[in-house]
Amino acid sequence: MLLEFSRLVAGVLILLFHRQIADFMQAQERSVLLVFRQRGVHLPDLDASTARNIYFCLGVFVCCYQMFHIWTILPGR
């Protein structure tokens, strides 16, 4: 049960810090895209609002999934 609540907390943390996570990941992605472009492979890059929306939705999904999982394993339902 501790693992399920830890995953729920991780989902909440992703929800709370989705902007910072997205900005950090975009900084890392820029350096990877630069390497690919130097080798002739042009990949599209995401804008900031799209990346933030992706991480927000990921946090919502993790929270909803874990709440459903915790609800299904509770005894005496």
N, C-alpha and C. Protein backbone atom coordinates (compact mmCIF):
# COMPACT_ATOMS: atom_id res chain seq x y z
N MET A 1 0.82 -1.19 0.00
CA MET A 1 0.00 0.00 0.00
C MET A 1 0.87 1.27 0.00
N LEU A 2 2.05 1.16 0.59
CA LEU A 2 2.96 2.30 0.61
C LEU A 2 3.42 2.66 -0.80
N LEU A 3 3.63 1.65 -1.62
CA LEU A 3 4.07 1.89 -3.00
C LEU A 3 2.98 2.62 -3.79
N GLU A 4 1.73 2.26 -3.59
CA GLU A 4 0.64 2.92 -4.30
C GLU A 4 0.53 4.39 -3.91
N PHE A 5 0.66 4.67 -2.60
CA PHE A 5 0.59 6.07 -2.17
C PHE A 5 1.82 6.85 -2.63
N SER A 6 2.96 6.19 -2.72
CA SER A 6 4.15 6.86 -3.25
C SER A 6 3.97 7.23 -4.71
N ARG A 7 3.36 6.35 -5.48
CA ARG A 7 3.08 6.66 -6.88
C ARG A 7 2.06 7.79 -7.00
N LEU A 8 1.08 7.82 -6.12
CA LEU A 8 0.11 8.90 -6.13
C LEU A 8 0.78 10.23 -5.81
N VAL A 9 1.68 10.23 -4.85
CA VAL A 9 2.42 11.44 -4.52
C VAL A 9 3.31 11.86 -5.69
N ALA A 10 3.90 10.90 -6.38
CA ALA A 10 4.72 11.23 -7.56
C ALA A 10 3.86 11.89 -8.63
N GLY A 11 2.65 11.40 -8.83
CA GLY A 11 1.74 12.02 -9.79
C GLY A 11 1.36 13.43 -9.40
N VAL A 12 1.12 13.65 -8.12
CA VAL A 12 0.79 15.00 -7.64
C VAL A 12 1.99 15.93 -7.83
N LEU A 13 3.19 15.42 -7.57
CA LEU A 13 4.39 16.24 -7.77
C LEU A 13 4.59 16.60 -9.24
N ILE A 14 4.29 15.66 -10.12
CA ILE A 14 4.36 15.97 -11.56
C ILE A 14 3.35 17.06 -11.89
N LEU A 15 2.15 16.97 -11.32
CA LEU A 15 1.13 18.01 -11.54
C LEU A 15 1.60 19.37 -11.03
N LEU A 16 2.19 19.39 -9.87
CA LEU A 16 2.60 20.66 -9.27
C LEU A 16 3.78 21.29 -10.00
N PHE A 17 4.70 20.47 -10.48
CA PHE A 17 5.94 20.98 -11.08
C PHE A 17 6.03 20.69 -12.57
N HIS A 18 4.88 20.59 -13.26
CA HIS A 18 4.92 20.23 -14.68
C HIS A 18 5.62 21.29 -15.52
N ARG A 19 5.52 22.56 -15.15
CA ARG A 19 6.21 23.62 -15.91
C ARG A 19 7.72 23.49 -15.80
N GLN A 20 8.21 23.30 -14.59
CA GLN A 20 9.66 23.18 -14.39
C GLN A 20 10.21 21.92 -15.05
N ILE A 21 9.46 20.83 -14.97
CA ILE A 21 9.89 19.58 -15.60
C ILE A 21 9.93 19.76 -17.11
N ALA A 22 8.91 20.37 -17.68
CA ALA A 22 8.86 20.56 -19.13
C ALA A 22 9.98 21.49 -19.60
N ASP A 23 10.25 22.56 -18.86
CA ASP A 23 11.32 23.47 -19.25
C ASP A 23 12.68 22.78 -19.18
N PHE A 24 12.90 21.97 -18.15
CA PHE A 24 14.16 21.24 -18.03
C PHE A 24 14.32 20.23 -19.16
N MET A 25 13.24 19.50 -19.45
CA MET A 25 13.32 18.50 -20.51
C MET A 25 13.52 19.16 -21.87
N GLN A 26 12.95 20.33 -22.08
CA GLN A 26 13.16 21.02 -23.35
C GLN A 26 14.59 21.49 -23.50
N ALA A 27 15.21 21.89 -22.41
CA ALA A 27 16.63 22.27 -22.48
C ALA A 27 17.48 21.06 -22.86
N GLN A 28 17.16 19.90 -22.29
CA GLN A 28 17.89 18.69 -22.65
C GLN A 28 17.61 18.28 -24.09
N GLU A 29 16.37 18.47 -24.51
CA GLU A 29 15.98 18.09 -25.87
C GLU A 29 16.67 18.96 -26.91
N ARG A 30 16.88 20.23 -26.59
CA ARG A 30 17.56 21.11 -27.54
C ARG A 30 18.96 20.63 -27.86
N SER A 31 19.67 20.16 -26.84
CA SER A 31 21.03 19.67 -27.08
C SER A 31 21.02 18.38 -27.91
N VAL A 32 20.04 17.53 -27.68
CA VAL A 32 19.93 16.29 -28.47
C VAL A 32 19.55 16.62 -29.91
N LEU A 33 18.61 17.56 -30.09
CA LEU A 33 18.22 17.95 -31.44
C LEU A 33 19.38 18.57 -32.21
N LEU A 34 20.23 19.32 -31.51
CA LEU A 34 21.39 19.92 -32.15
C LEU A 34 22.34 18.84 -32.68
N VAL A 35 22.54 17.79 -31.91
CA VAL A 35 23.39 16.68 -32.36
C VAL A 35 22.79 16.01 -33.58
N PHE A 36 21.49 15.77 -33.57
CA PHE A 36 20.84 15.14 -34.71
C PHE A 36 20.91 16.03 -35.95
N ARG A 37 20.71 17.33 -35.77
CA ARG A 37 20.75 18.25 -36.92
C ARG A 37 22.15 18.35 -37.51
N GLN A 38 23.17 18.24 -36.68
CA GLN A 38 24.53 18.24 -37.19
C GLN A 38 24.81 17.01 -38.05
N ARG A 39 24.10 15.95 -37.78
CA ARG A 39 24.28 14.72 -38.55
C ARG A 39 23.30 14.61 -39.72
N GLY A 40 22.49 15.66 -39.93
CA GLY A 40 21.62 15.69 -41.09
C GLY A 40 20.21 15.20 -40.87
N VAL A 41 19.85 14.87 -39.63
CA VAL A 41 18.49 14.41 -39.34
C VAL A 41 17.74 15.56 -38.69
N HIS A 42 16.70 16.03 -39.37
CA HIS A 42 15.92 17.16 -38.85
C HIS A 42 14.66 16.63 -38.19
N LEU A 43 14.60 16.78 -36.88
CA LEU A 43 13.44 16.35 -36.10
C LEU A 43 12.68 17.58 -35.63
N PRO A 44 11.36 17.49 -35.55
CA PRO A 44 10.59 18.65 -35.08
C PRO A 44 10.77 18.82 -33.57
N ASP A 45 10.75 20.06 -33.13
CA ASP A 45 10.84 20.31 -31.69
C ASP A 45 9.49 20.83 -31.20
N LEU A 46 9.19 20.55 -29.95
CA LEU A 46 7.93 20.96 -29.34
C LEU A 46 8.05 22.37 -28.79
N ASP A 47 6.98 23.12 -28.84
CA ASP A 47 7.01 24.41 -28.19
C ASP A 47 6.73 24.23 -26.70
N ALA A 48 6.94 25.27 -25.94
CA ALA A 48 6.86 25.17 -24.47
C ALA A 48 5.46 24.80 -24.00
N SER A 49 4.44 25.36 -24.60
CA SER A 49 3.08 25.08 -24.12
C SER A 49 2.69 23.62 -24.38
N THR A 50 3.13 23.06 -25.50
CA THR A 50 2.82 21.66 -25.79
C THR A 50 3.52 20.75 -24.80
N ALA A 51 4.78 21.02 -24.51
CA ALA A 51 5.52 20.20 -23.55
C ALA A 51 4.90 20.28 -22.16
N ARG A 52 4.49 21.47 -21.77
CA ARG A 52 3.86 21.63 -20.46
C ARG A 52 2.54 20.88 -20.40
N ASN A 53 1.77 20.93 -21.47
CA ASN A 53 0.50 20.20 -21.51
C ASN A 53 0.72 18.69 -21.44
N ILE A 54 1.75 18.21 -22.09
CA ILE A 54 2.05 16.78 -22.06
C ILE A 54 2.37 16.33 -20.64
N TYR A 55 3.23 17.08 -19.94
CA TYR A 55 3.58 16.69 -18.57
C TYR A 55 2.42 16.87 -17.61
N PHE A 56 1.56 17.86 -17.83
CA PHE A 56 0.37 18.02 -17.00
C PHE A 56 -0.55 16.82 -17.17
N CYS A 57 -0.79 16.44 -18.42
CA CYS A 57 -1.66 15.28 -18.69
C CYS A 57 -1.05 13.99 -18.14
N LEU A 58 0.26 13.87 -18.20
CA LEU A 58 0.92 12.71 -17.62
C LEU A 58 0.68 12.65 -16.11
N GLY A 59 0.79 13.79 -15.43
CA GLY A 59 0.53 13.83 -14.00
C GLY A 59 -0.91 13.48 -13.66
N VAL A 60 -1.86 13.98 -14.46
CA VAL A 60 -3.27 13.66 -14.24
C VAL A 60 -3.51 12.17 -14.44
N PHE A 61 -2.92 11.61 -15.48
CA PHE A 61 -3.08 10.18 -15.74
C PHE A 61 -2.53 9.34 -14.60
N VAL A 62 -1.34 9.67 -14.11
CA VAL A 62 -0.74 8.91 -13.02
C VAL A 62 -1.61 9.00 -11.76
N CYS A 63 -2.11 10.18 -11.45
CA CYS A 63 -2.97 10.34 -10.27
C CYS A 63 -4.26 9.55 -10.40
N CYS A 64 -4.91 9.66 -11.54
CA CYS A 64 -6.18 8.94 -11.74
C CYS A 64 -5.97 7.44 -11.72
N TYR A 65 -4.93 6.98 -12.36
CA TYR A 65 -4.65 5.54 -12.38
C TYR A 65 -4.38 5.03 -10.97
N GLN A 66 -3.59 5.74 -10.21
CA GLN A 66 -3.26 5.29 -8.86
C GLN A 66 -4.45 5.37 -7.92
N MET A 67 -5.28 6.40 -8.06
CA MET A 67 -6.48 6.47 -7.22
C MET A 67 -7.42 5.31 -7.53
N PHE A 68 -7.57 4.97 -8.80
CA PHE A 68 -8.40 3.82 -9.17
C PHE A 68 -7.79 2.53 -8.63
N HIS A 69 -6.47 2.41 -8.73
CA HIS A 69 -5.80 1.20 -8.24
C HIS A 69 -5.95 1.06 -6.72
N ILE A 70 -5.78 2.14 -6.01
CA ILE A 70 -5.95 2.11 -4.55
C ILE A 70 -7.39 1.77 -4.19
N TRP A 71 -8.35 2.34 -4.92
CA TRP A 71 -9.76 2.08 -4.66
C TRP A 71 -10.11 0.61 -4.89
N THR A 72 -9.51 -0.01 -5.91
CA THR A 72 -9.83 -1.41 -6.20
C THR A 72 -9.20 -2.39 -5.21
N ILE A 73 -8.10 -2.03 -4.58
CA ILE A 73 -7.46 -2.97 -3.65
C ILE A 73 -7.89 -2.77 -2.21
N LEU A 74 -8.73 -1.78 -1.94
CA LEU A 74 -9.20 -1.56 -0.57
C LEU A 74 -10.09 -2.71 -0.15
N PRO A 75 -9.91 -3.22 1.06
CA PRO A 75 -10.77 -4.30 1.54
C PRO A 75 -12.14 -3.76 1.95
N GLY A 76 -13.15 -4.59 1.79
CA GLY A 76 -14.49 -4.25 2.24
C GLY A 76 -15.23 -3.28 1.34
N ARG A 77 -14.90 -3.26 0.10
CA ARG A 77 -15.61 -2.39 -0.84
C ARG A 77 -16.96 -2.93 -1.12
